[in-house]
Amino acid sequence: MTDERPDLEALLRANREFYRAFATADFVAMDRVWSDHSPLMCVHPGWRPLHGRDRVMASWRGILRRPMAVQSRGEVAELLGAVGVVVCAELLPAVELVATNLFVIEEGRWRMIHHHAGPAAGSASDEDEDDDDDDDDEPGGGRLLN
């Protein structure tokens, strides 16, 4: 059995490259992160889903015109066959989001095929304090439903 750790490390490195391109408003680097050959999808907070490389990259071109401080933390990576999944918190100046990023191996490296970010129900520090609270694992976590 082979050790999957190097693949996970490479996957996390690709995720860091995405956030570095985002934080530095580097469209060329952002373009390199995304797949050239696989179908792409992206859901920015409050946007309708975008499908296709042209639409996804046009959205990033517009977003990166207004640089913003963004960081990721709490990355959890999993390999699901040929797909790598990273879930993390996105920290923006005024809000914390939760993001899911999907990658595939293309030309020997992980390339993004999907990014979805949306509001977090609570901050990561709240989650750390509530580790014994099983309600967060239920649909809605008791936070989004009335």
C-alpha atoms as a PDB file:
ATOM      1  CA  MET A   1       0.000   0.000   0.000  1.00  0.00           C
ATOM      2  CA  THR A   2       1.382   3.428  -0.917  1.00  0.00           C
ATOM      3  CA  ASP A   3       1.552   6.358   1.475  1.00  0.00           C
ATOM      4  CA  GLU A   4      -1.096   8.973   0.527  1.00  0.00           C
ATOM      5  CA  ARG A   5       0.450  11.697   2.689  1.00  0.00           C
ATOM      6  CA  PRO A   6       2.504  13.301  -0.129  1.00  0.00           C
ATOM      7  CA  ASP A   7      -0.691  13.608  -2.208  1.00  0.00           C
ATOM      8  CA  LEU A   8      -2.471  15.307   0.689  1.00  0.00           C
ATOM      9  CA  GLU A   9       0.464  17.658   1.184  1.00  0.00           C
ATOM     10  CA  ALA A  10       0.426  18.553  -2.522  1.00  0.00           C
ATOM     11  CA  LEU A  11      -3.341  19.068  -2.343  1.00  0.00           C
ATOM     12  CA  LEU A  12      -2.992  21.431   0.623  1.00  0.00           C
ATOM     13  CA  ARG A  13      -0.201  23.254  -1.215  1.00  0.00           C
ATOM     14  CA  ALA A  14      -2.533  23.761  -4.209  1.00  0.00           C
ATOM     15  CA  ASN A  15      -5.186  25.125  -1.873  1.00  0.00           C
ATOM     16  CA  ARG A  16      -2.630  27.563  -0.385  1.00  0.00           C
ATOM     17  CA  GLU A  17      -1.706  28.660  -3.942  1.00  0.00           C
ATOM     18  CA  PHE A  18      -5.367  29.466  -4.573  1.00  0.00           C
ATOM     19  CA  TYR A  19      -5.597  31.639  -1.450  1.00  0.00           C
ATOM     20  CA  ARG A  20      -2.233  33.282  -2.174  1.00  0.00           C
ATOM     21  CA  ALA A  21      -3.455  34.255  -5.670  1.00  0.00           C
ATOM     22  CA  PHE A  22      -6.715  35.516  -4.132  1.00  0.00           C
ATOM     23  CA  ALA A  23      -4.986  37.539  -1.390  1.00  0.00           C
ATOM     24  CA  THR A  24      -2.434  39.099  -3.744  1.00  0.00           C
ATOM     25  CA  ALA A  25      -4.987  39.763  -6.520  1.00  0.00           C
ATOM     26  CA  ASP A  26      -2.737  37.865  -8.936  1.00  0.00           C
ATOM     27  CA  PHE A  27      -4.967  36.877 -11.839  1.00  0.00           C
ATOM     28  CA  VAL A  28      -2.166  35.021 -13.674  1.00  0.00           C
ATOM     29  CA  ALA A  29      -1.553  32.854 -10.582  1.00  0.00           C
ATOM     30  CA  MET A  30      -5.324  32.368 -10.122  1.00  0.00           C
ATOM     31  CA  ASP A  31      -5.623  31.245 -13.737  1.00  0.00           C
ATOM     32  CA  ARG A  32      -2.824  28.677 -13.186  1.00  0.00           C
ATOM     33  CA  VAL A  33      -4.644  27.233 -10.145  1.00  0.00           C
ATOM     34  CA  TRP A  34      -7.761  26.345 -12.153  1.00  0.00           C
ATOM     35  CA  SER A  35      -8.029  23.359 -14.495  1.00  0.00           C
ATOM     36  CA  ASP A  36      -7.618  23.882 -18.220  1.00  0.00           C
ATOM     37  CA  HIS A  37      -9.320  20.635 -19.237  1.00  0.00           C
ATOM     38  CA  SER A  38     -12.044  19.715 -16.726  1.00  0.00           C
ATOM     39  CA  PRO A  39     -15.467  21.328 -16.402  1.00  0.00           C
ATOM     40  CA  LEU A  40     -15.354  24.163 -13.843  1.00  0.00           C
ATOM     41  CA  MET A  41     -17.923  25.425 -11.371  1.00  0.00           C
ATOM     42  CA  CYS A  42     -17.810  28.216  -8.823  1.00  0.00           C
ATOM     43  CA  VAL A  43     -20.264  29.650  -6.301  1.00  0.00           C
ATOM     44  CA  HIS A  44     -19.221  32.955  -4.778  1.00  0.00           C
ATOM     45  CA  PRO A  45     -21.195  34.108  -1.703  1.00  0.00           C
ATOM     46  CA  GLY A  46     -24.509  35.542  -2.854  1.00  0.00           C
ATOM     47  CA  TRP A  47     -23.907  34.682  -6.522  1.00  0.00           C
ATOM     48  CA  ARG A  48     -25.660  32.211  -8.753  1.00  0.00           C
ATOM     49  CA  PRO A  49     -23.548  29.171  -9.676  1.00  0.00           C
ATOM     50  CA  LEU A  50     -21.080  29.751 -12.492  1.00  0.00           C
ATOM     51  CA  HIS A  51     -20.330  26.976 -14.989  1.00  0.00           C
ATOM     52  CA  GLY A  52     -17.492  26.848 -17.492  1.00  0.00           C
ATOM     53  CA  ARG A  53     -13.969  28.172 -17.523  1.00  0.00           C
ATOM     54  CA  ASP A  54     -14.805  31.439 -19.291  1.00  0.00           C
ATOM     55  CA  ARG A  55     -17.464  32.448 -16.759  1.00  0.00           C
ATOM     56  CA  VAL A  56     -15.484  31.279 -13.721  1.00  0.00           C
ATOM     57  CA  MET A  57     -12.321  33.101 -14.750  1.00  0.00           C
ATOM     58  CA  ALA A  58     -14.264  36.242 -15.719  1.00  0.00           C
ATOM     59  CA  SER A  59     -15.686  36.276 -12.187  1.00  0.00           C
ATOM     60  CA  TRP A  60     -12.189  36.062 -10.689  1.00  0.00           C
ATOM     61  CA  ARG A  61     -10.905  38.787 -13.019  1.00  0.00           C
ATOM     62  CA  GLY A  62     -13.611  41.101 -11.622  1.00  0.00           C
ATOM     63  CA  ILE A  63     -13.117  40.053  -7.985  1.00  0.00           C
ATOM     64  CA  LEU A  64      -9.345  40.487  -8.152  1.00  0.00           C
ATOM     65  CA  ARG A  65      -9.720  44.067  -9.417  1.00  0.00           C
ATOM     66  CA  ARG A  66     -10.665  44.938  -5.832  1.00  0.00           C
ATOM     67  CA  PRO A  67      -7.935  43.329  -3.721  1.00  0.00           C
ATOM     68  CA  MET A  68      -8.974  42.180  -0.271  1.00  0.00           C
ATOM     69  CA  ALA A  69      -7.201  40.592   2.635  1.00  0.00           C
ATOM     70  CA  VAL A  70      -8.236  36.944   2.628  1.00  0.00           C
ATOM     71  CA  GLN A  71      -6.788  34.046   4.569  1.00  0.00           C
ATOM     72  CA  SER A  72      -7.691  30.422   4.968  1.00  0.00           C
ATOM     73  CA  ARG A  73      -7.449  28.341   8.106  1.00  0.00           C
ATOM     74  CA  GLY A  74      -8.617  25.055   9.521  1.00  0.00           C
ATOM     75  CA  GLU A  75      -8.015  23.187   6.274  1.00  0.00           C
ATOM     76  CA  VAL A  76      -9.236  19.605   6.183  1.00  0.00           C
ATOM     77  CA  ALA A  77      -8.198  17.633   3.105  1.00  0.00           C
ATOM     78  CA  GLU A  78      -9.456  14.294   1.820  1.00  0.00           C
ATOM     79  CA  LEU A  79      -8.711  12.234  -1.245  1.00  0.00           C
ATOM     80  CA  LEU A  80     -11.776  10.750  -2.929  1.00  0.00           C
ATOM     81  CA  GLY A  81     -10.305   8.663  -5.707  1.00  0.00           C
ATOM     82  CA  ALA A  82      -9.002  11.078  -8.336  1.00  0.00           C
ATOM     83  CA  VAL A  83     -10.580  14.098  -6.625  1.00  0.00           C
ATOM     84  CA  GLY A  84      -9.077  16.097  -3.782  1.00  0.00           C
ATOM     85  CA  VAL A  85     -11.399  17.977  -1.441  1.00  0.00           C
ATOM     86  CA  VAL A  86     -10.382  20.781   0.904  1.00  0.00           C
ATOM     87  CA  VAL A  87     -12.822  22.363   3.345  1.00  0.00           C
ATOM     88  CA  CYS A  88     -11.641  25.446   5.212  1.00  0.00           C
ATOM     89  CA  ALA A  89     -12.600  28.757   6.737  1.00  0.00           C
ATOM     90  CA  GLU A  90     -12.109  31.850   4.588  1.00  0.00           C
ATOM     91  CA  LEU A  91     -11.324  34.892   6.672  1.00  0.00           C
ATOM     92  CA  LEU A  92     -12.219  38.199   5.033  1.00  0.00           C
ATOM     93  CA  PRO A  93     -12.079  41.615   6.715  1.00  0.00           C
ATOM     94  CA  ALA A  94     -15.780  41.712   7.593  1.00  0.00           C
ATOM     95  CA  VAL A  95     -16.888  38.082   7.499  1.00  0.00           C
ATOM     96  CA  GLU A  96     -15.883  34.478   7.979  1.00  0.00           C
ATOM     97  CA  LEU A  97     -16.974  32.063   5.272  1.00  0.00           C
ATOM     98  CA  VAL A  98     -16.796  28.313   4.862  1.00  0.00           C
ATOM     99  CA  ALA A  99     -15.312  27.104   1.587  1.00  0.00           C
ATOM    100  CA  THR A 100     -15.199  23.793  -0.233  1.00  0.00           C
ATOM    101  CA  ASN A 101     -12.543  23.472  -2.927  1.00  0.00           C
ATOM    102  CA  LEU A 102     -12.325  20.504  -5.304  1.00  0.00           C
ATOM    103  CA  PHE A 103      -9.200  19.597  -7.248  1.00  0.00           C
ATOM    104  CA  VAL A 104      -8.152  17.011  -9.839  1.00  0.00           C
ATOM    105  CA  ILE A 105      -4.684  15.960 -10.952  1.00  0.00           C
ATOM    106  CA  GLU A 106      -3.907  17.551 -14.278  1.00  0.00           C
ATOM    107  CA  GLU A 107      -0.497  17.465 -15.925  1.00  0.00           C
ATOM    108  CA  GLY A 108       1.008  16.102 -12.709  1.00  0.00           C
ATOM    109  CA  ARG A 109      -0.390  18.637 -10.245  1.00  0.00           C
ATOM    110  CA  TRP A 110      -3.614  19.419  -8.417  1.00  0.00           C
ATOM    111  CA  ARG A 111      -5.815  21.892 -10.325  1.00  0.00           C
ATOM    112  CA  MET A 112      -9.048  23.391  -9.015  1.00  0.00           C
ATOM    113  CA  ILE A 113     -12.364  22.423 -10.611  1.00  0.00           C
ATOM    114  CA  HIS A 114     -14.808  23.834  -8.066  1.00  0.00           C
ATOM    115  CA  HIS A 115     -14.891  26.543  -5.388  1.00  0.00           C
ATOM    116  CA  HIS A 116     -17.916  27.216  -3.206  1.00  0.00           C
ATOM    117  CA  ALA A 117     -17.867  29.762  -0.373  1.00  0.00           C
ATOM    118  CA  GLY A 118     -20.727  30.819   1.847  1.00  0.00           C
ATOM    119  CA  PRO A 119     -21.486  32.246   5.272  1.00  0.00           C
ATOM    120  CA  ALA A 120     -20.363  30.311   8.309  1.00  0.00           C
ATOM    121  CA  ALA A 121     -22.986  29.554  10.943  1.00  0.00           C
ATOM    122  CA  GLY A 122     -20.482  30.474  13.674  1.00  0.00           C
ATOM    123  CA  SER A 123     -16.837  31.387  13.923  1.00  0.00           C
ATOM    124  CA  ALA A 124     -14.125  28.746  14.098  1.00  0.00           C
ATOM    125  CA  SER A 125     -13.417  29.793  17.687  1.00  0.00           C
ATOM    126  CA  ASP A 126     -17.088  29.123  18.561  1.00  0.00           C
ATOM    127  CA  GLU A 127     -16.754  25.668  17.014  1.00  0.00           C
ATOM    128  CA  ASP A 128     -13.672  24.898  19.110  1.00  0.00           C
ATOM    129  CA  GLU A 129     -15.549  25.834  22.278  1.00  0.00           C
ATOM    130  CA  ASP A 130     -18.585  23.728  21.315  1.00  0.00           C
ATOM    131  CA  ASP A 131     -16.829  20.484  20.379  1.00  0.00           C
ATOM    132  CA  ASP A 132     -19.139  18.523  22.711  1.00  0.00           C
ATOM    133  CA  ASP A 133     -22.286  20.039  21.149  1.00  0.00           C
ATOM    134  CA  ASP A 134     -23.668  17.389  18.790  1.00  0.00           C
ATOM    135  CA  ASP A 135     -26.335  19.762  17.421  1.00  0.00           C
ATOM    136  CA  ASP A 136     -23.787  21.246  15.008  1.00  0.00           C
ATOM    137  CA  ASP A 137     -23.640  17.902  13.205  1.00  0.00           C
ATOM    138  CA  GLU A 138     -27.372  17.908  12.489  1.00  0.00           C
ATOM    139  CA  PRO A 139     -28.896  19.566   9.397  1.00  0.00           C
ATOM    140  CA  GLY A 140     -29.092  23.284  10.061  1.00  0.00           C
ATOM    141  CA  GLY A 141     -27.073  22.885  13.260  1.00  0.00           C
ATOM    142  CA  GLY A 142     -29.943  24.604  15.055  1.00  0.00           C
ATOM    143  CA  ARG A 143     -28.589  27.894  13.728  1.00  0.00           C
ATOM    144  CA  LEU A 144     -30.140  28.431  10.288  1.00  0.00           C
ATOM    145  CA  LEU A 145     -33.662  27.221  10.946  1.00  0.00           C
ATOM    146  CA  ASN A 146     -36.309  29.014  12.990  1.00  0.00           C
END
